[in-house]
Amino acid sequence: MSLLAIAVVLGALIALFVKAKWVRPMSGLVCILFGVLLAAGPAGPPIQSAVLQAGIWVDQSLANL
């Protein structure tokens, strides 16, 4: 559930940035693809661990509201 929580928050931020015209849609897509490729490489396990911990924090923070 925590990975899903962080994915939803990051997706909402990307949508907000595109809507506010801070980021163009293609730039956002390139950033997403870069993140996916980076996570698929040797740096993947530490990145997954960091994202998992961030997701746990977001999930707990939302539960405390």
PDB file of N, CA and C in Angstrom:
ATOM      1  N   MET A   1       0.817  -1.196   0.000  1.00  0.00           N
ATOM      2  CA  MET A   1       0.000   0.000   0.000  1.00  0.00           C
ATOM      3  C   MET A   1       0.858   1.257   0.000  1.00  0.00           C
ATOM      4  N   SER A   2       2.040   1.202   0.612  1.00  0.00           N
ATOM      5  CA  SER A   2       2.855   2.404   0.718  1.00  0.00           C
ATOM      6  C   SER A   2       3.435   2.822  -0.631  1.00  0.00           C
ATOM      7  N   LEU A   3       3.811   1.863  -1.475  1.00  0.00           N
ATOM      8  CA  LEU A   3       4.291   2.220  -2.813  1.00  0.00           C
ATOM      9  C   LEU A   3       3.173   2.852  -3.620  1.00  0.00           C
ATOM     10  N   LEU A   4       1.974   2.360  -3.434  1.00  0.00           N
ATOM     11  CA  LEU A   4       0.823   2.934  -4.118  1.00  0.00           C
ATOM     12  C   LEU A   4       0.579   4.368  -3.640  1.00  0.00           C
ATOM     13  N   ALA A   5       0.746   4.610  -2.354  1.00  0.00           N
ATOM     14  CA  ALA A   5       0.536   5.952  -1.806  1.00  0.00           C
ATOM     15  C   ALA A   5       1.525   6.949  -2.409  1.00  0.00           C
ATOM     16  N   ILE A   6       2.781   6.579  -2.483  1.00  0.00           N
ATOM     17  CA  ILE A   6       3.782   7.498  -3.035  1.00  0.00           C
ATOM     18  C   ILE A   6       3.570   7.668  -4.531  1.00  0.00           C
ATOM     19  N   ALA A   7       3.131   6.627  -5.231  1.00  0.00           N
ATOM     20  CA  ALA A   7       2.860   6.737  -6.660  1.00  0.00           C
ATOM     21  C   ALA A   7       1.698   7.691  -6.923  1.00  0.00           C
ATOM     22  N   VAL A   8       0.679   7.622  -6.085  1.00  0.00           N
ATOM     23  CA  VAL A   8      -0.466   8.521  -6.247  1.00  0.00           C
ATOM     24  C   VAL A   8      -0.047   9.965  -5.993  1.00  0.00           C
ATOM     25  N   VAL A   9       0.738  10.185  -4.952  1.00  0.00           N
ATOM     26  CA  VAL A   9       1.199  11.549  -4.643  1.00  0.00           C
ATOM     27  C   VAL A   9       2.078  12.088  -5.769  1.00  0.00           C
ATOM     28  N   LEU A  10       3.017  11.287  -6.249  1.00  0.00           N
ATOM     29  CA  LEU A  10       3.885  11.748  -7.334  1.00  0.00           C
ATOM     30  C   LEU A  10       3.095  11.972  -8.625  1.00  0.00           C
ATOM     31  N   GLY A  11       2.125  11.109  -8.903  1.00  0.00           N
ATOM     32  CA  GLY A  11       1.277  11.302 -10.079  1.00  0.00           C
ATOM     33  C   GLY A  11       0.476  12.587  -9.991  1.00  0.00           C
ATOM     34  N   ALA A  12      -0.026  12.878  -8.800  1.00  0.00           N
ATOM     35  CA  ALA A  12      -0.771  14.123  -8.607  1.00  0.00           C
ATOM     36  C   ALA A  12       0.137  15.337  -8.781  1.00  0.00           C
ATOM     37  N   LEU A  13       1.365  15.241  -8.298  1.00  0.00           N
ATOM     38  CA  LEU A  13       2.314  16.352  -8.478  1.00  0.00           C
ATOM     39  C   LEU A  13       2.638  16.571  -9.953  1.00  0.00           C
ATOM     40  N   ILE A  14       2.845  15.492 -10.683  1.00  0.00           N
ATOM     41  CA  ILE A  14       3.127  15.621 -12.113  1.00  0.00           C
ATOM     42  C   ILE A  14       1.934  16.261 -12.822  1.00  0.00           C
ATOM     43  N   ALA A  15       0.734  15.796 -12.505  1.00  0.00           N
ATOM     44  CA  ALA A  15      -0.465  16.376 -13.122  1.00  0.00           C
ATOM     45  C   ALA A  15      -0.601  17.848 -12.776  1.00  0.00           C
ATOM     46  N   LEU A  16      -0.316  18.207 -11.527  1.00  0.00           N
ATOM     47  CA  LEU A  16      -0.371  19.608 -11.105  1.00  0.00           C
ATOM     48  C   LEU A  16       0.657  20.450 -11.857  1.00  0.00           C
ATOM     49  N   PHE A  17       1.857  19.946 -11.997  1.00  0.00           N
ATOM     50  CA  PHE A  17       2.911  20.690 -12.700  1.00  0.00           C
ATOM     51  C   PHE A  17       2.575  20.879 -14.174  1.00  0.00           C
ATOM     52  N   VAL A  18       2.006  19.844 -14.798  1.00  0.00           N
ATOM     53  CA  VAL A  18       1.627  19.963 -16.209  1.00  0.00           C
ATOM     54  C   VAL A  18       0.481  20.959 -16.357  1.00  0.00           C
ATOM     55  N   LYS A  19      -0.509  20.876 -15.454  1.00  0.00           N
ATOM     56  CA  LYS A  19      -1.654  21.785 -15.526  1.00  0.00           C
ATOM     57  C   LYS A  19      -1.231  23.233 -15.277  1.00  0.00           C
ATOM     58  N   ALA A  20      -0.279  23.437 -14.363  1.00  0.00           N
ATOM     59  CA  ALA A  20       0.203  24.782 -14.056  1.00  0.00           C
ATOM     60  C   ALA A  20       1.211  25.272 -15.108  1.00  0.00           C
ATOM     61  N   LYS A  21       1.497  24.423 -16.067  1.00  0.00           N
ATOM     62  CA  LYS A  21       2.442  24.723 -17.159  1.00  0.00           C
ATOM     63  C   LYS A  21       3.851  24.981 -16.639  1.00  0.00           C
ATOM     64  N   TRP A  22       4.207  24.338 -15.520  1.00  0.00           N
ATOM     65  CA  TRP A  22       5.574  24.379 -15.026  1.00  0.00           C
ATOM     66  C   TRP A  22       6.416  23.344 -15.749  1.00  0.00           C
ATOM     67  N   VAL A  23       5.745  22.266 -16.186  1.00  0.00           N
ATOM     68  CA  VAL A  23       6.411  21.178 -16.900  1.00  0.00           C
ATOM     69  C   VAL A  23       5.572  20.857 -18.121  1.00  0.00           C
ATOM     70  N   ARG A  24       6.223  20.726 -19.248  1.00  0.00           N
ATOM     71  CA  ARG A  24       5.509  20.321 -20.460  1.00  0.00           C
ATOM     72  C   ARG A  24       5.245  18.821 -20.390  1.00  0.00           C
ATOM     73  N   PRO A  25       4.165  18.359 -21.024  1.00  0.00           N
ATOM     74  CA  PRO A  25       3.840  16.927 -20.950  1.00  0.00           C
ATOM     75  C   PRO A  25       4.971  16.012 -21.417  1.00  0.00           C
ATOM     76  N   MET A  26       5.665  16.368 -22.482  1.00  0.00           N
ATOM     77  CA  MET A  26       6.760  15.515 -22.965  1.00  0.00           C
ATOM     78  C   MET A  26       7.915  15.483 -21.965  1.00  0.00           C
ATOM     79  N   SER A  27       8.213  16.608 -21.340  1.00  0.00           N
ATOM     80  CA  SER A  27       9.276  16.637 -20.335  1.00  0.00           C
ATOM     81  C   SER A  27       8.904  15.757 -19.152  1.00  0.00           C
ATOM     82  N   GLY A  28       7.651  15.818 -18.736  1.00  0.00           N
ATOM     83  CA  GLY A  28       7.190  14.960 -17.652  1.00  0.00           C
ATOM     84  C   GLY A  28       7.306  13.489 -18.006  1.00  0.00           C
ATOM     85  N   LEU A  29       6.957  13.149 -19.243  1.00  0.00           N
ATOM     86  CA  LEU A  29       7.051  11.762 -19.701  1.00  0.00           C
ATOM     87  C   LEU A  29       8.506  11.295 -19.730  1.00  0.00           C
ATOM     88  N   VAL A  30       9.405  12.142 -20.187  1.00  0.00           N
ATOM     89  CA  VAL A  30      10.828  11.798 -20.219  1.00  0.00           C
ATOM     90  C   VAL A  30      11.341  11.568 -18.795  1.00  0.00           C
ATOM     91  N   CYS A  31      10.933  12.399 -17.850  1.00  0.00           N
ATOM     92  CA  CYS A  31      11.349  12.226 -16.455  1.00  0.00           C
ATOM     93  C   CYS A  31      10.828  10.910 -15.883  1.00  0.00           C
ATOM     94  N   ILE A  32       9.586  10.576 -16.198  1.00  0.00           N
ATOM     95  CA  ILE A  32       9.012   9.315 -15.722  1.00  0.00           C
ATOM     96  C   ILE A  32       9.778   8.127 -16.303  1.00  0.00           C
ATOM     97  N   LEU A  33      10.043   8.175 -17.601  1.00  0.00           N
ATOM     98  CA  LEU A  33      10.788   7.083 -18.239  1.00  0.00           C
ATOM     99  C   LEU A  33      12.201   6.966 -17.677  1.00  0.00           C
ATOM    100  N   PHE A  34      12.839   8.094 -17.411  1.00  0.00           N
ATOM    101  CA  PHE A  34      14.169   8.070 -16.803  1.00  0.00           C
ATOM    102  C   PHE A  34      14.121   7.385 -15.439  1.00  0.00           C
ATOM    103  N   GLY A  35      13.112   7.705 -14.651  1.00  0.00           N
ATOM    104  CA  GLY A  35      12.969   7.081 -13.341  1.00  0.00           C
ATOM    105  C   GLY A  35      12.755   5.582 -13.428  1.00  0.00           C
ATOM    106  N   VAL A  36      11.948   5.164 -14.398  1.00  0.00           N
ATOM    107  CA  VAL A  36      11.697   3.733 -14.575  1.00  0.00           C
ATOM    108  C   VAL A  36      12.977   3.017 -14.989  1.00  0.00           C
ATOM    109  N   LEU A  37      13.711   3.588 -15.934  1.00  0.00           N
ATOM    110  CA  LEU A  37      14.957   2.964 -16.378  1.00  0.00           C
ATOM    111  C   LEU A  37      16.011   2.962 -15.285  1.00  0.00           C
ATOM    112  N   LEU A  38      16.081   4.016 -14.511  1.00  0.00           N
ATOM    113  CA  LEU A  38      17.030   4.083 -13.406  1.00  0.00           C
ATOM    114  C   LEU A  38      16.704   3.011 -12.369  1.00  0.00           C
ATOM    115  N   ALA A  39      15.436   2.840 -12.073  1.00  0.00           N
ATOM    116  CA  ALA A  39      15.028   1.834 -11.092  1.00  0.00           C
ATOM    117  C   ALA A  39      15.262   0.414 -11.596  1.00  0.00           C
ATOM    118  N   ALA A  40      15.261   0.221 -12.921  1.00  0.00           N
ATOM    119  CA  ALA A  40      15.470  -1.113 -13.485  1.00  0.00           C
ATOM    120  C   ALA A  40      16.945  -1.502 -13.504  1.00  0.00           C
ATOM    121  N   GLY A  41      17.849  -0.543 -13.310  1.00  0.00           N
ATOM    122  CA  GLY A  41      19.281  -0.810 -13.346  1.00  0.00           C
ATOM    123  C   GLY A  41      19.828  -1.224 -11.995  1.00  0.00           C
ATOM    124  N   PRO A  42      21.142  -1.165 -11.867  1.00  0.00           N
ATOM    125  CA  PRO A  42      21.776  -1.572 -10.605  1.00  0.00           C
ATOM    126  C   PRO A  42      21.411  -0.667  -9.425  1.00  0.00           C
ATOM    127  N   ALA A  43      20.997   0.536  -9.694  1.00  0.00           N
ATOM    128  CA  ALA A  43      20.602   1.443  -8.615  1.00  0.00           C
ATOM    129  C   ALA A  43      19.185   1.175  -8.133  1.00  0.00           C
ATOM    130  N   GLY A  44      18.519   0.198  -8.722  1.00  0.00           N
ATOM    131  CA  GLY A  44      17.125  -0.088  -8.420  1.00  0.00           C
ATOM    132  C   GLY A  44      16.817  -0.429  -6.973  1.00  0.00           C
ATOM    133  N   PRO A  45      17.539  -1.382  -6.364  1.00  0.00           N
ATOM    134  CA  PRO A  45      17.203  -1.740  -4.976  1.00  0.00           C
ATOM    135  C   PRO A  45      17.287  -0.577  -3.982  1.00  0.00           C
ATOM    136  N   PRO A  46      18.342   0.258  -4.001  1.00  0.00           N
ATOM    137  CA  PRO A  46      18.337   1.393  -3.071  1.00  0.00           C
ATOM    138  C   PRO A  46      17.226   2.398  -3.373  1.00  0.00           C
ATOM    139  N   ILE A  47      16.940   2.583  -4.656  1.00  0.00           N
ATOM    140  CA  ILE A  47      15.858   3.501  -5.031  1.00  0.00           C
ATOM    141  C   ILE A  47      14.522   2.944  -4.555  1.00  0.00           C
ATOM    142  N   GLN A  48      14.301   1.652  -4.761  1.00  0.00           N
ATOM    143  CA  GLN A  48      13.051   1.043  -4.320  1.00  0.00           C
ATOM    144  C   GLN A  48      12.915   1.132  -2.808  1.00  0.00           C
ATOM    145  N   SER A  49      14.009   0.931  -2.101  1.00  0.00           N
ATOM    146  CA  SER A  49      13.967   1.035  -0.643  1.00  0.00           C
ATOM    147  C   SER A  49      13.616   2.456  -0.204  1.00  0.00           C
ATOM    148  N   ALA A  50      14.228   3.460  -0.843  1.00  0.00           N
ATOM    149  CA  ALA A  50      13.951   4.854  -0.498  1.00  0.00           C
ATOM    150  C   ALA A  50      12.502   5.225  -0.807  1.00  0.00           C
ATOM    151  N   VAL A  51      12.011   4.777  -1.960  1.00  0.00           N
ATOM    152  CA  VAL A  51      10.630   5.071  -2.332  1.00  0.00           C
ATOM    153  C   VAL A  51       9.662   4.351  -1.391  1.00  0.00           C
ATOM    154  N   LEU A  52      10.006   3.140  -1.008  1.00  0.00           N
ATOM    155  CA  LEU A  52       9.169   2.396  -0.075  1.00  0.00           C
ATOM    156  C   LEU A  52       9.085   3.112   1.270  1.00  0.00           C
ATOM    157  N   GLN A  53      10.214   3.586   1.775  1.00  0.00           N
ATOM    158  CA  GLN A  53      10.213   4.317   3.044  1.00  0.00           C
ATOM    159  C   GLN A  53       9.424   5.621   2.927  1.00  0.00           C
ATOM    160  N   ALA A  54       9.561   6.314   1.811  1.00  0.00           N
ATOM    161  CA  ALA A  54       8.777   7.537   1.593  1.00  0.00           C
ATOM    162  C   ALA A  54       7.287   7.207   1.520  1.00  0.00           C
ATOM    163  N   GLY A  55       6.957   6.094   0.890  1.00  0.00           N
ATOM    164  CA  GLY A  55       5.561   5.676   0.795  1.00  0.00           C
ATOM    165  C   GLY A  55       4.978   5.333   2.151  1.00  0.00           C
ATOM    166  N   ILE A  56       5.750   4.682   2.977  1.00  0.00           N
ATOM    167  CA  ILE A  56       5.300   4.364   4.335  1.00  0.00           C
ATOM    168  C   ILE A  56       5.040   5.651   5.108  1.00  0.00           C
ATOM    169  N   TRP A  57       5.950   6.614   4.966  1.00  0.00           N
ATOM    170  CA  TRP A  57       5.783   7.895   5.654  1.00  0.00           C
ATOM    171  C   TRP A  57       4.526   8.626   5.179  1.00  0.00           C
ATOM    172  N   VAL A  58       4.305   8.656   3.858  1.00  0.00           N
ATOM    173  CA  VAL A  58       3.113   9.324   3.320  1.00  0.00           C
ATOM    174  C   VAL A  58       1.851   8.611   3.790  1.00  0.00           C
ATOM    175  N   ASP A  59       1.872   7.292   3.763  1.00  0.00           N
ATOM    176  CA  ASP A  59       0.713   6.514   4.191  1.00  0.00           C
ATOM    177  C   ASP A  59       0.388   6.775   5.667  1.00  0.00           C
ATOM    178  N   GLN A  60       1.395   6.815   6.503  1.00  0.00           N
ATOM    179  CA  GLN A  60       1.176   7.087   7.916  1.00  0.00           C
ATOM    180  C   GLN A  60       0.732   8.521   8.153  1.00  0.00           C
ATOM    181  N   SER A  61       1.293   9.457   7.399  1.00  0.00           N
ATOM    182  CA  SER A  61       0.903  10.851   7.544  1.00  0.00           C
ATOM    183  C   SER A  61      -0.559  11.063   7.145  1.00  0.00           C
ATOM    184  N   LEU A  62      -0.984  10.410   6.073  1.00  0.00           N
ATOM    185  CA  LEU A  62      -2.372  10.524   5.636  1.00  0.00           C
ATOM    186  C   LEU A  62      -3.318   9.831   6.620  1.00  0.00           C
ATOM    187  N   ALA A  63      -2.861   8.750   7.223  1.00  0.00           N
ATOM    188  CA  ALA A  63      -3.707   8.047   8.189  1.00  0.00           C
ATOM    189  C   ALA A  63      -3.892   8.861   9.461  1.00  0.00           C
ATOM    190  N   ASN A  64      -2.919   9.714   9.783  1.00  0.00           N
ATOM    191  CA  ASN A  64      -3.007  10.532  10.989  1.00  0.00           C
ATOM    192  C   ASN A  64      -3.865  11.771  10.812  1.00  0.00           C
ATOM    193  N   LEU A  65      -4.267  12.065   9.587  1.00  0.00           N
ATOM    194  CA  LEU A  65      -5.090  13.266   9.365  1.00  0.00           C
ATOM    195  C   LEU A  65      -6.457  13.105   9.872  1.00  0.00           C
TER     196      LEU A  65
END
